[in-house]
């Protein structure tokens, strides 16, 4: 029914419709005729009468059980027959691109009345454009794919490519030259790591943790070695299609016997004239299920060597089932005597470790940015729920134990945000070599810190939501997803303990010789 056909009713008129076969309710000033729907209600018609909402304002009862998005679904919008005379809608449908007004739901630089030394007006315009696109195009696709485990549609990938988002996820650099970014909102020469941070944050706001990796995390970690170490001919062949979203690339390092211990790799490449012959396996490879190219580390006679391998009949991939959605494309890969042109070698033969290690800082920074963004979403969900959930006749936040949990969650997110922005600022003002020398330790420690706080937040959030945090759908679906997948941040890009140890070892290397108590 269109809004023009909606009538106005008084609460007294609504109250007369409180029987089986003639049942109306009010939710946020809107009148719904649920006479026919009552028998289809998941809880049955009995709960509607037992809860005392028949013929009455059911706003509080509804939001104690359902998310607002339920009312926006076509099948439920059709049940609205009018509005309540003298009342106005309070809980309005979200506007794509708008900022949340919930305290701590946004970082302070996006919060009205606060200031920042890092972001400028271009960053603000860029953030608005990215959020609007993500919410209108990427969010619906993310929710569908997180649930069904299928790959993101080709159409969405190509839209990401057209706007330059795939290229922007690699950070500032020559690969952005000549590109139109977000329709011209920012220019390649203006783009910095804070713009990149914004892209990562906006990708991670939908409670779809597997899809975050499915949105070409493989490109973020697999393409830089090609850009930095590939020949001009190889770059010309590979890079345009990958950055446009028409072809896909994955980084193939990890093996069953070699995770954080990269030196334990067993995949071999034997020289045969102008070709390498590659034999071996790789495991837990993000986007590997549907990748066209694999940036691969192999054991060669001269040491570890990196090469770009194009998918062919001698390569087989199969999905690995994890607690993530299959939309991430996590895979097991078998290379069965694959012939790879020597021209596809990335960097010098035997210098593979330096090629791979050169990109680890950026990979870890990317992982911690999306992890922190997901944590902030969880904090917002908990604040909303604590405000609307009624227990013992009072909002949930009236319980001191709940306020204590919320205080800890907020503190963790804000501490991480400030540390992250400090490191990102340093990235903007350092050369690549300086970042490798000075930021490897801090980035490793920050990733460890954020993955630890993530699991703590997941535990606290599950207590705030109670049983609802265990259900894949409904009020606690975002909490359930985060609680189930928070451990990934502690593993991807280097395990938590390894990174903590790296951070301290880096610090000890820089200890002055005369330092004494």
Protein backbone atom coordinates (compact mmCIF):
# COMPACT_ATOMS: atom_id res chain seq x y z
CA UNK A 1 0.00 0.00 0.00
CA UNK A 2 1.44 3.39 -0.94
CA UNK A 3 1.87 6.15 1.62
CA UNK A 4 -0.84 8.19 -0.15
CA UNK A 5 -3.42 5.52 0.69
CA UNK A 6 -2.52 5.33 4.37
CA UNK A 7 -5.16 6.52 6.80
CA UNK A 8 -4.75 8.05 10.24
CA UNK A 9 -6.15 6.24 13.26
CA UNK A 10 -6.43 7.09 16.90
CA UNK A 11 -5.05 4.70 19.51
CA UNK A 12 -8.62 4.14 20.61
CA UNK A 13 -9.60 2.96 17.14
CA UNK A 14 -6.61 0.62 17.04
CA UNK A 15 -7.51 -0.85 20.43
CA UNK A 16 -10.79 -2.22 19.05
CA UNK A 17 -8.87 -4.63 16.81
CA UNK A 18 -7.54 -7.04 19.42
CA UNK A 19 -9.06 -10.41 18.56
CA UNK A 20 -8.12 -13.42 16.47
CA UNK A 21 -8.95 -12.66 12.88
CA UNK A 22 -8.99 -8.92 13.60
CA UNK A 23 -5.63 -7.94 15.02
CA UNK A 24 -3.86 -4.58 14.72
CA UNK A 25 -0.74 -3.29 16.42
CA UNK A 26 1.26 -0.06 16.44
CA UNK A 27 5.02 0.06 15.92
CA UNK A 28 6.73 3.46 15.97
CA UNK A 29 3.59 5.44 15.04
CA UNK A 30 2.65 3.06 12.21
CA UNK A 31 -0.47 0.90 12.28
CA UNK A 32 -0.16 -2.70 11.07
CA UNK A 33 -2.99 -5.09 10.30
CA UNK A 34 -1.54 -8.48 11.18
CA UNK A 35 -4.84 -10.38 11.21
CA UNK A 36 -3.76 -12.76 8.45
CA UNK A 37 -0.09 -12.70 9.37
CA UNK A 38 -0.69 -13.79 12.98
CA UNK A 39 -0.79 -17.48 12.11
CA UNK A 40 2.43 -17.10 10.12
CA UNK A 41 4.27 -15.39 12.98
CA UNK A 42 7.31 -17.50 14.00
CA UNK A 43 6.07 -17.51 17.60
CA UNK A 44 2.50 -18.23 16.55
CA UNK A 45 -0.55 -16.03 17.27
CA UNK A 46 -0.57 -16.98 20.94
CA UNK A 47 2.55 -14.95 21.73
CA UNK A 48 0.93 -11.84 20.28
CA UNK A 49 -1.92 -12.09 22.77
CA UNK A 50 0.18 -13.35 25.67
CA UNK A 51 2.56 -10.42 25.35
CA UNK A 52 -0.33 -7.99 25.62
CA UNK A 53 0.36 -6.14 22.37
CA UNK A 54 -2.91 -6.92 20.58
CA UNK A 55 -4.57 -3.63 19.69
CA UNK A 56 -1.81 -1.65 21.41
CA UNK A 57 1.51 0.08 20.87
CA UNK A 58 3.97 -2.80 20.45
CA UNK A 59 7.07 -0.70 19.77
CA UNK A 60 9.05 -1.72 22.86
CA UNK A 61 8.01 -5.36 22.56
CA UNK A 62 8.93 -5.46 18.87
CA UNK A 63 12.39 -3.99 19.33
CA UNK A 64 13.00 -6.33 22.23
CA UNK A 65 12.75 -9.19 19.75
CA UNK A 66 13.47 -7.94 16.23
CA UNK A 67 15.87 -5.76 14.29
CA UNK A 68 14.55 -2.64 12.55
CA UNK A 69 15.41 -4.11 9.16
CA UNK A 70 12.52 -6.56 9.57
CA UNK A 71 10.02 -3.72 9.20
CA UNK A 72 11.71 -2.63 5.97
CA UNK A 73 11.19 -5.94 4.20
CA UNK A 74 8.51 -5.74 1.49
CA UNK A 75 6.37 -8.53 2.95
CA UNK A 76 6.06 -6.65 6.25
CA UNK A 77 5.84 -3.15 4.83
CA UNK A 78 2.69 -4.30 3.03
CA UNK A 79 1.04 -4.95 6.39
CA UNK A 80 1.03 -1.24 7.24
CA UNK A 81 -2.44 0.24 6.83
CA UNK A 82 -2.00 3.66 8.41
CA UNK A 83 -0.40 5.89 11.01
CA UNK A 84 -1.37 7.04 14.48
CA UNK A 85 -2.94 10.48 14.58
CA UNK A 86 -0.67 13.01 16.29
CA UNK A 87 2.39 10.74 16.33
CA UNK A 88 5.56 10.92 14.23
CA UNK A 89 7.96 8.21 13.21
CA UNK A 90 11.02 8.17 15.50
CA UNK A 91 13.03 5.22 14.19
CA UNK A 92 13.58 6.17 10.56
CA UNK A 93 15.02 3.96 7.82
CA UNK A 94 18.79 4.43 7.50
CA UNK A 95 20.00 6.79 4.80
CA UNK A 96 22.91 5.34 2.79
CA UNK A 97 26.11 7.13 3.72
CA UNK A 98 24.86 8.69 6.94
CA UNK A 99 26.88 8.61 10.14
CA UNK A 100 25.66 6.84 13.27
CA UNK A 101 24.69 9.05 16.21
CA UNK A 102 25.32 6.26 18.72
CA UNK A 103 28.24 7.22 21.01
CA UNK A 104 31.48 5.49 20.00
CA UNK A 105 29.88 4.00 16.88
CA UNK A 106 32.15 6.23 14.80
CA UNK A 107 35.78 7.22 15.42
CA UNK A 108 36.09 10.69 16.93
CA UNK A 109 37.16 12.32 13.66
CA UNK A 110 33.69 11.55 12.29
CA UNK A 111 31.87 12.61 15.45
CA UNK A 112 30.34 16.08 15.49
CA UNK A 113 32.12 18.50 17.80
CA UNK A 114 35.43 16.61 17.86
CA UNK A 115 38.72 17.49 16.18
CA UNK A 116 41.50 15.61 14.45
CA UNK A 117 45.13 16.29 13.48
CA UNK A 118 45.06 13.58 10.80
CA UNK A 119 42.04 13.94 8.53
CA UNK A 120 41.01 16.83 6.25
CA UNK A 121 37.91 17.80 4.28
CA UNK A 122 38.96 15.57 1.38
CA UNK A 123 39.03 12.58 3.72
CA UNK A 124 35.52 13.48 4.91
CA UNK A 125 34.10 13.74 1.39
CA UNK A 126 35.85 10.53 0.47
CA UNK A 127 34.44 8.72 3.51
CA UNK A 128 30.90 9.82 2.67
CA UNK A 129 31.21 8.60 -0.92
CA UNK A 130 32.76 5.27 0.06
CA UNK A 131 30.16 4.58 2.76
CA UNK A 132 27.25 5.35 0.44
CA UNK A 133 28.61 2.99 -2.21
CA UNK A 134 29.34 0.25 0.30
CA UNK A 135 25.89 0.44 1.86
CA UNK A 136 23.95 0.54 -1.40
CA UNK A 137 26.00 -1.89 -3.52
CA UNK A 138 28.35 -3.96 -1.35
CA UNK A 139 26.27 -4.50 1.80
CA UNK A 140 23.34 -6.38 0.20
CA UNK A 141 25.78 -8.56 -1.72
CA UNK A 142 27.89 -9.14 1.39
CA UNK A 143 24.94 -10.30 3.46
CA UNK A 144 23.78 -12.71 0.74
CA UNK A 145 27.22 -14.19 0.15
CA UNK A 146 28.08 -14.48 3.85
CA UNK A 147 24.98 -16.65 4.21
CA UNK A 148 25.19 -18.74 1.05
CA UNK A 149 28.99 -18.97 0.90
CA UNK A 150 29.14 -18.05 -2.78
CA UNK A 151 31.69 -15.79 -4.40
CA UNK A 152 30.88 -12.08 -4.68
CA UNK A 153 29.23 -11.39 -8.04
CA UNK A 154 31.37 -10.34 -10.99
CA UNK A 155 29.24 -7.21 -11.35
CA UNK A 156 30.18 -5.99 -7.86
CA UNK A 157 33.87 -6.77 -8.43
CA UNK A 158 33.87 -4.70 -11.60
CA UNK A 159 32.10 -1.81 -9.87
CA UNK A 160 34.82 -1.92 -7.22
CA UNK A 161 37.36 -1.81 -10.02
CA UNK A 162 35.64 1.06 -11.88
CA UNK A 163 35.70 3.25 -8.76
CA UNK A 164 39.35 2.42 -8.12
CA UNK A 165 38.60 0.68 -4.82
CA UNK A 166 40.59 -2.45 -5.69
CA UNK A 167 43.61 -0.29 -6.58
CA UNK A 168 43.16 1.92 -3.51
CA UNK A 169 43.34 -1.10 -1.21
CA UNK A 170 47.00 -1.42 -2.20
CA UNK A 171 47.72 2.01 -0.72
CA UNK A 172 49.29 5.08 -2.33
CA UNK A 173 51.64 4.53 -5.26
CA UNK A 174 52.28 4.60 -8.98
CA UNK A 175 49.52 2.04 -9.59
CA UNK A 176 47.00 4.86 -8.91
CA UNK A 177 48.39 7.22 -11.54
CA UNK A 178 45.84 8.15 -14.18
CA UNK A 179 42.95 6.55 -12.28
CA UNK A 180 39.69 8.24 -11.32
CA UNK A 181 39.11 7.47 -7.65
CA UNK A 182 35.53 7.32 -6.33
CA UNK A 183 34.29 9.25 -9.33
CA UNK A 184 36.84 11.99 -8.79
CA UNK A 185 36.18 12.64 -5.09
CA UNK A 186 39.91 12.37 -4.49
CA UNK A 187 42.89 12.48 -6.83
CA UNK A 188 45.73 9.94 -7.00
CA UNK A 189 48.22 12.54 -5.77
CA UNK A 190 45.96 13.32 -2.77
CA UNK A 191 45.40 9.70 -1.81
CA UNK A 192 47.22 8.62 1.35
CA UNK A 193 47.08 5.83 3.92
CA UNK A 194 44.19 7.51 5.75
CA UNK A 195 42.11 7.25 2.58
CA UNK A 196 43.12 3.59 2.44
CA UNK A 197 42.18 3.20 6.11
CA UNK A 198 38.73 4.60 5.32
CA UNK A 199 38.22 2.03 2.55
CA UNK A 200 39.16 -0.85 4.89
CA UNK A 201 36.88 0.43 7.65
CA UNK A 202 33.89 0.81 5.36
CA UNK A 203 34.39 -2.70 3.94
CA UNK A 204 34.17 -4.17 7.43
CA UNK A 205 30.98 -2.59 8.77
CA UNK A 206 28.42 -5.23 7.79
CA UNK A 207 29.11 -8.08 10.20
CA UNK A 208 30.19 -10.27 7.27
CA UNK A 209 33.66 -11.33 8.28
CA UNK A 210 34.22 -13.98 5.60
CA UNK A 211 33.13 -11.64 2.84
CA UNK A 212 35.75 -9.08 3.94
CA UNK A 213 38.39 -11.54 2.72
CA UNK A 214 36.24 -12.45 -0.26
CA UNK A 215 36.34 -8.80 -1.35
CA UNK A 216 39.80 -9.43 -2.82
CA UNK A 217 42.05 -9.61 0.21
CA UNK A 218 44.02 -11.96 -2.01
CA UNK A 219 44.74 -9.04 -4.32
CA UNK A 220 45.89 -6.83 -1.43
CA UNK A 221 48.57 -9.34 -0.49
CA UNK A 222 49.17 -11.10 -3.82
CA UNK A 223 49.58 -8.23 -6.28
CA UNK A 224 52.25 -6.03 -4.57
CA UNK A 225 55.09 -8.50 -5.34
CA UNK A 226 54.06 -8.30 -9.00
CA UNK A 227 53.98 -4.50 -8.89
CA UNK A 228 57.30 -4.23 -7.07
CA UNK A 229 59.31 -7.08 -8.54
CA UNK A 230 57.64 -8.14 -11.80
CA UNK A 231 59.02 -7.23 -15.23
CA UNK A 232 57.30 -4.41 -17.16
CA UNK A 233 55.91 -7.01 -19.57
CA UNK A 234 54.46 -9.12 -16.75
CA UNK A 235 52.93 -6.08 -15.06
CA UNK A 236 51.36 -4.94 -18.33
CA UNK A 237 49.80 -8.37 -18.79
CA UNK A 238 48.53 -8.93 -15.25
CA UNK A 239 47.88 -5.68 -13.39
CA UNK A 240 45.15 -3.99 -15.50
CA UNK A 241 42.78 -6.96 -15.40
CA UNK A 242 43.35 -7.57 -11.69
CA UNK A 243 42.76 -3.95 -10.68
CA UNK A 244 39.64 -3.80 -12.84
CA UNK A 245 38.13 -6.84 -11.09
CA UNK A 246 38.16 -8.98 -14.23
CA UNK A 247 40.91 -11.33 -13.03
CA UNK A 248 41.82 -12.52 -9.53
CA UNK A 249 45.07 -13.18 -7.73
CA UNK A 250 46.01 -14.95 -4.49
CA UNK A 251 49.15 -15.11 -2.38
CA UNK A 252 50.23 -18.73 -2.02
CA UNK A 253 52.77 -19.05 0.78
CA UNK A 254 51.38 -21.16 3.61
CA UNK A 255 51.65 -24.94 3.51
CA UNK A 256 50.52 -27.72 5.80
CA UNK A 257 54.05 -27.88 7.28
CA UNK A 258 54.84 -24.16 7.05
CA UNK A 259 52.70 -21.45 8.60
CA UNK A 260 54.44 -18.79 10.64
CA UNK A 261 57.62 -20.81 10.01
CA UNK A 262 57.94 -19.66 6.40
CA UNK A 263 61.39 -21.25 6.19
CA UNK A 264 59.73 -24.68 6.30
CA UNK A 265 58.20 -24.38 2.81
CA UNK A 266 58.42 -27.58 0.74
CA UNK A 267 56.93 -26.64 -2.65
CA UNK A 268 59.74 -26.94 -5.21
CA UNK A 269 60.54 -25.30 -8.53
CA UNK A 270 63.15 -26.96 -10.76
CA UNK A 271 64.66 -25.08 -13.71
CA UNK A 272 64.04 -26.61 -17.15
CA UNK A 273 65.29 -24.26 -19.82
CA UNK A 274 63.08 -21.21 -19.95
CA UNK A 275 60.62 -22.69 -17.45
CA UNK A 276 60.30 -23.56 -13.81
CA UNK A 277 58.59 -26.87 -13.07
CA UNK A 278 56.61 -26.42 -9.85
CA UNK A 279 55.47 -29.28 -7.64
CA UNK A 280 53.87 -29.05 -4.21
CA UNK A 281 50.87 -27.89 -2.22
CA UNK A 282 49.64 -24.75 -0.52
CA UNK A 283 47.00 -24.51 2.18
CA UNK A 284 44.60 -21.90 3.65
CA UNK A 285 45.03 -19.64 0.62
CA UNK A 286 42.59 -16.72 0.67
CA UNK A 287 40.68 -16.34 -2.64
CA UNK A 288 42.55 -19.37 -3.98
CA UNK A 289 39.34 -21.21 -4.89
CA UNK A 290 38.68 -18.88 -7.80
CA UNK A 291 42.04 -17.15 -8.37
CA UNK A 292 43.43 -16.84 -11.89
CA UNK A 293 46.98 -16.16 -10.66
CA UNK A 294 49.01 -17.34 -7.69
CA UNK A 295 51.96 -15.37 -6.29
CA UNK A 296 53.87 -18.39 -5.06
CA UNK A 297 56.97 -19.05 -2.97
CA UNK A 298 58.98 -22.11 -4.00
CA UNK A 299 62.13 -23.88 -2.91
CA UNK A 300 64.70 -23.60 -5.71
CA UNK A 301 68.34 -24.61 -6.01
CA UNK A 302 69.37 -21.05 -5.20
CA UNK A 303 67.04 -20.72 -2.22
CA UNK A 304 63.45 -19.53 -1.90
CA UNK A 305 62.12 -17.87 -5.05
CA UNK A 306 58.82 -16.11 -5.76
CA UNK A 307 57.03 -16.52 -9.07
CA UNK A 308 53.64 -15.74 -10.57
CA UNK A 309 51.81 -18.89 -11.63
CA UNK A 310 48.82 -18.70 -13.97
CA UNK A 311 45.98 -21.16 -13.44
CA UNK A 312 46.19 -24.14 -15.78
CA UNK A 313 45.17 -27.80 -15.98
CA UNK A 314 48.09 -28.83 -13.78
CA UNK A 315 46.73 -26.77 -10.89
CA UNK A 316 43.83 -27.99 -8.78
CA UNK A 317 42.10 -26.05 -6.01
CA UNK A 318 39.47 -27.14 -3.56
CA UNK A 319 37.70 -25.18 -0.83
CA UNK A 320 38.66 -25.56 2.80
CA UNK A 321 35.71 -25.41 5.18
CA UNK A 322 36.43 -23.00 8.03
CA UNK A 323 34.38 -21.04 10.57
CA UNK A 324 34.53 -18.23 8.01
CA UNK A 325 32.02 -18.04 5.19
CA UNK A 326 33.10 -19.90 2.07
CA UNK A 327 32.76 -16.56 0.28
CA UNK A 328 36.39 -15.95 1.36
CA UNK A 329 37.49 -18.59 -1.13
CA UNK A 330 39.88 -20.27 1.33
CA UNK A 331 41.51 -23.14 -0.51
CA UNK A 332 43.94 -26.02 -0.75
CA UNK A 333 46.09 -25.89 -3.89
CA UNK A 334 48.01 -28.65 -5.65
CA UNK A 335 50.72 -27.81 -8.20
CA UNK A 336 51.39 -30.92 -10.29
CA UNK A 337 54.50 -30.28 -12.39
CA UNK A 338 53.27 -26.87 -13.48
CA UNK A 339 55.44 -25.23 -16.14
CA UNK A 340 56.00 -21.56 -15.30
CA UNK A 341 57.93 -19.18 -17.56
CA UNK A 342 61.16 -18.00 -15.96
CA UNK A 343 60.02 -14.53 -17.04
CA UNK A 344 57.36 -14.83 -14.31
CA UNK A 345 60.01 -14.80 -11.59
CA UNK A 346 59.44 -11.98 -9.09
CA UNK A 347 62.70 -10.57 -7.82
CA UNK A 348 65.99 -12.44 -7.84
CA UNK A 349 66.30 -16.19 -7.68
CA UNK A 350 66.95 -17.17 -4.08
CA UNK A 351 65.75 -13.80 -2.73
CA UNK A 352 62.18 -14.92 -2.20
CA UNK A 353 62.11 -14.21 1.52
CA UNK A 354 62.89 -10.54 1.04
CA UNK A 355 60.16 -10.29 -1.60
CA UNK A 356 57.55 -11.78 0.71
CA UNK A 357 58.68 -10.06 3.90
CA UNK A 358 58.55 -6.68 2.16
CA UNK A 359 54.75 -6.89 2.03
CA UNK A 360 54.04 -8.30 5.49
CA UNK A 361 53.78 -4.91 7.21
CA UNK A 362 51.07 -3.72 4.84
CA UNK A 363 49.21 -7.02 5.05
CA UNK A 364 49.17 -6.90 8.85
CA UNK A 365 48.12 -3.26 8.85
CA UNK A 366 45.22 -4.15 6.53
CA UNK A 367 44.13 -7.04 8.76
CA UNK A 368 44.14 -4.97 11.94
CA UNK A 369 42.20 -2.11 10.28
CA UNK A 370 39.32 -4.37 9.26
CA UNK A 371 39.47 -6.19 12.60
CA UNK A 372 39.17 -2.95 14.54
CA UNK A 373 36.34 -1.72 12.31
CA UNK A 374 34.42 -4.93 13.03
CA UNK A 375 34.98 -4.43 16.77
CA UNK A 376 33.52 -0.93 16.62
CA UNK A 377 30.40 -2.31 14.95
CA UNK A 378 30.06 -4.80 17.79
CA UNK A 379 30.33 -1.96 20.33
CA UNK A 380 27.54 -0.08 18.54
CA UNK A 381 25.35 -3.19 18.50
CA UNK A 382 25.87 -3.68 22.24
CA UNK A 383 25.10 -0.05 23.09
CA UNK A 384 21.87 -0.20 21.09
CA UNK A 385 20.84 -3.48 22.66
CA UNK A 386 21.67 -2.34 26.20
CA UNK A 387 19.44 0.68 25.62
CA UNK A 388 16.41 -1.12 24.16
CA UNK A 389 16.45 -4.45 25.97
CA UNK A 390 14.25 -4.39 29.08
CA UNK A 391 15.14 -6.73 31.97
CA UNK A 392 13.68 -6.65 35.44
CA UNK A 393 11.59 -3.71 34.30
CA UNK A 394 14.61 -1.57 33.36
CA UNK A 395 16.93 -1.15 30.37
CA UNK A 396 19.80 -3.60 30.32
CA UNK A 397 22.30 -0.80 30.89
CA UNK A 398 20.77 -0.26 34.35
CA UNK A 399 22.74 -3.33 35.45
CA UNK A 400 26.22 -2.30 36.74
CA UNK A 401 27.81 -5.48 35.36
CA UNK A 402 26.64 -4.55 31.88
CA UNK A 403 27.94 -1.01 32.16
CA UNK A 404 31.30 -2.43 33.23
CA UNK A 405 31.45 -4.65 30.15
CA UNK A 406 30.51 -1.76 27.87
CA UNK A 407 33.16 0.44 29.48
CA UNK A 408 35.86 -2.15 28.77
CA UNK A 409 34.71 -2.66 25.19
CA UNK A 410 34.69 1.08 24.47
CA UNK A 411 38.11 1.56 26.05
CA UNK A 412 39.68 -1.21 23.98
CA UNK A 413 38.32 0.14 20.70
CA UNK A 414 39.30 3.75 21.41
CA UNK A 415 42.81 2.78 22.53
CA UNK A 416 43.29 0.72 19.37
CA UNK A 417 41.93 3.53 17.17
CA UNK A 418 44.38 6.06 18.55
CA UNK A 419 47.36 3.74 18.22
CA UNK A 420 46.30 2.84 14.67
CA UNK A 421 45.98 6.47 13.59
CA UNK A 422 49.39 7.26 15.07
CA UNK A 423 51.02 4.45 13.06
CA UNK A 424 49.10 5.43 9.91
CA UNK A 425 50.37 8.98 10.27
CA UNK A 426 53.92 7.66 10.40
CA UNK A 427 53.27 5.58 7.27
CA UNK A 428 52.27 8.77 5.44
CA UNK A 429 55.58 10.42 6.29
CA UNK A 430 58.02 7.54 5.83
CA UNK A 431 59.65 5.97 2.83
CA UNK A 432 59.10 2.29 2.19
CA UNK A 433 62.49 1.43 3.68
CA UNK A 434 61.81 3.58 6.75
CA UNK A 435 58.50 1.82 7.32
CA UNK A 436 60.22 -1.56 7.12
CA UNK A 437 62.84 -0.47 9.61
CA UNK A 438 60.77 1.53 12.08
CA UNK A 439 57.20 0.22 11.87
CA UNK A 440 57.51 -3.56 11.55
CA UNK A 441 57.64 -3.91 15.34
CA UNK A 442 54.86 -1.43 16.19
CA UNK A 443 52.53 -2.86 13.52
CA UNK A 444 53.17 -6.39 14.81
CA UNK A 445 52.43 -5.32 18.39
CA UNK A 446 49.31 -3.42 17.38
CA UNK A 447 48.00 -6.40 15.43
CA UNK A 448 48.58 -8.59 18.47
CA UNK A 449 46.83 -6.03 20.69
CA UNK A 450 43.82 -5.68 18.40
CA UNK A 451 43.39 -9.43 17.96
CA UNK A 452 43.52 -9.88 21.74
CA UNK A 453 40.99 -7.12 22.38
CA UNK A 454 38.81 -8.55 19.62
CA UNK A 455 38.38 -11.85 21.41
CA UNK A 456 37.75 -10.03 24.70
CA UNK A 457 35.11 -7.88 23.02
CA UNK A 458 33.56 -10.97 21.44
CA UNK A 459 33.24 -12.62 24.85
CA UNK A 460 31.76 -9.53 26.51
CA UNK A 461 29.37 -8.91 23.63
CA UNK A 462 28.06 -12.46 23.83
CA UNK A 463 27.24 -11.86 27.50
CA UNK A 464 25.48 -8.59 26.69
CA UNK A 465 23.30 -10.33 24.09
CA UNK A 466 22.88 -13.58 26.00
CA UNK A 467 21.31 -16.43 24.05
CA UNK A 468 20.77 -14.19 21.05
CA UNK A 469 24.54 -14.15 20.50
CA UNK A 470 24.37 -17.83 19.57
CA UNK A 471 21.91 -17.47 16.69
CA UNK A 472 23.04 -16.91 13.11
CA UNK A 473 19.99 -14.80 12.33
CA UNK A 474 18.00 -12.25 14.29
CA UNK A 475 18.98 -9.71 16.92
CA UNK A 476 22.41 -11.15 17.69
CA UNK A 477 23.51 -12.19 14.21
CA UNK A 478 26.41 -9.71 14.05
CA UNK A 479 27.61 -10.75 17.51
CA UNK A 480 27.40 -14.44 16.59
CA UNK A 481 29.40 -13.86 13.42
CA UNK A 482 32.08 -11.87 15.20
CA UNK A 483 32.35 -14.28 18.14
CA UNK A 484 32.73 -17.19 15.72
CA UNK A 485 35.38 -15.53 13.57
CA UNK A 486 37.33 -13.23 15.92
CA UNK A 487 40.12 -15.78 16.18
CA UNK A 488 41.03 -15.30 12.52
CA UNK A 489 42.64 -11.95 13.28
CA UNK A 490 44.99 -13.70 15.69
CA UNK A 491 46.20 -16.06 12.95
CA UNK A 492 46.13 -14.33 9.58
CA UNK A 493 49.33 -12.53 8.59
CA UNK A 494 51.29 -14.16 11.41
CA UNK A 495 50.06 -15.64 14.66
CA UNK A 496 49.54 -13.49 17.71
CA UNK A 497 52.45 -14.84 19.74
CA UNK A 498 54.85 -14.70 16.81
CA UNK A 499 53.98 -11.04 16.20
CA UNK A 500 54.34 -10.13 19.86
CA UNK A 501 57.77 -11.74 19.86
CA UNK A 502 58.67 -9.91 16.64
CA UNK A 503 57.71 -6.57 18.16
CA UNK A 504 59.94 -7.10 21.18
CA UNK A 505 62.86 -8.43 19.13
CA UNK A 506 62.66 -5.37 16.90
CA UNK A 507 62.74 -3.16 19.98
CA UNK A 508 65.70 -5.00 21.50
CA UNK A 509 67.71 -4.56 18.30
CA UNK A 510 67.39 -0.82 18.74
CA UNK A 511 68.41 -0.75 22.40
CA UNK A 512 71.28 1.71 22.92
CA UNK A 513 74.49 0.06 24.02
CA UNK A 514 74.82 2.35 27.06
CA UNK A 515 71.28 1.79 28.37
CA UNK A 516 71.47 0.77 32.02
CA UNK A 517 69.24 1.13 35.06
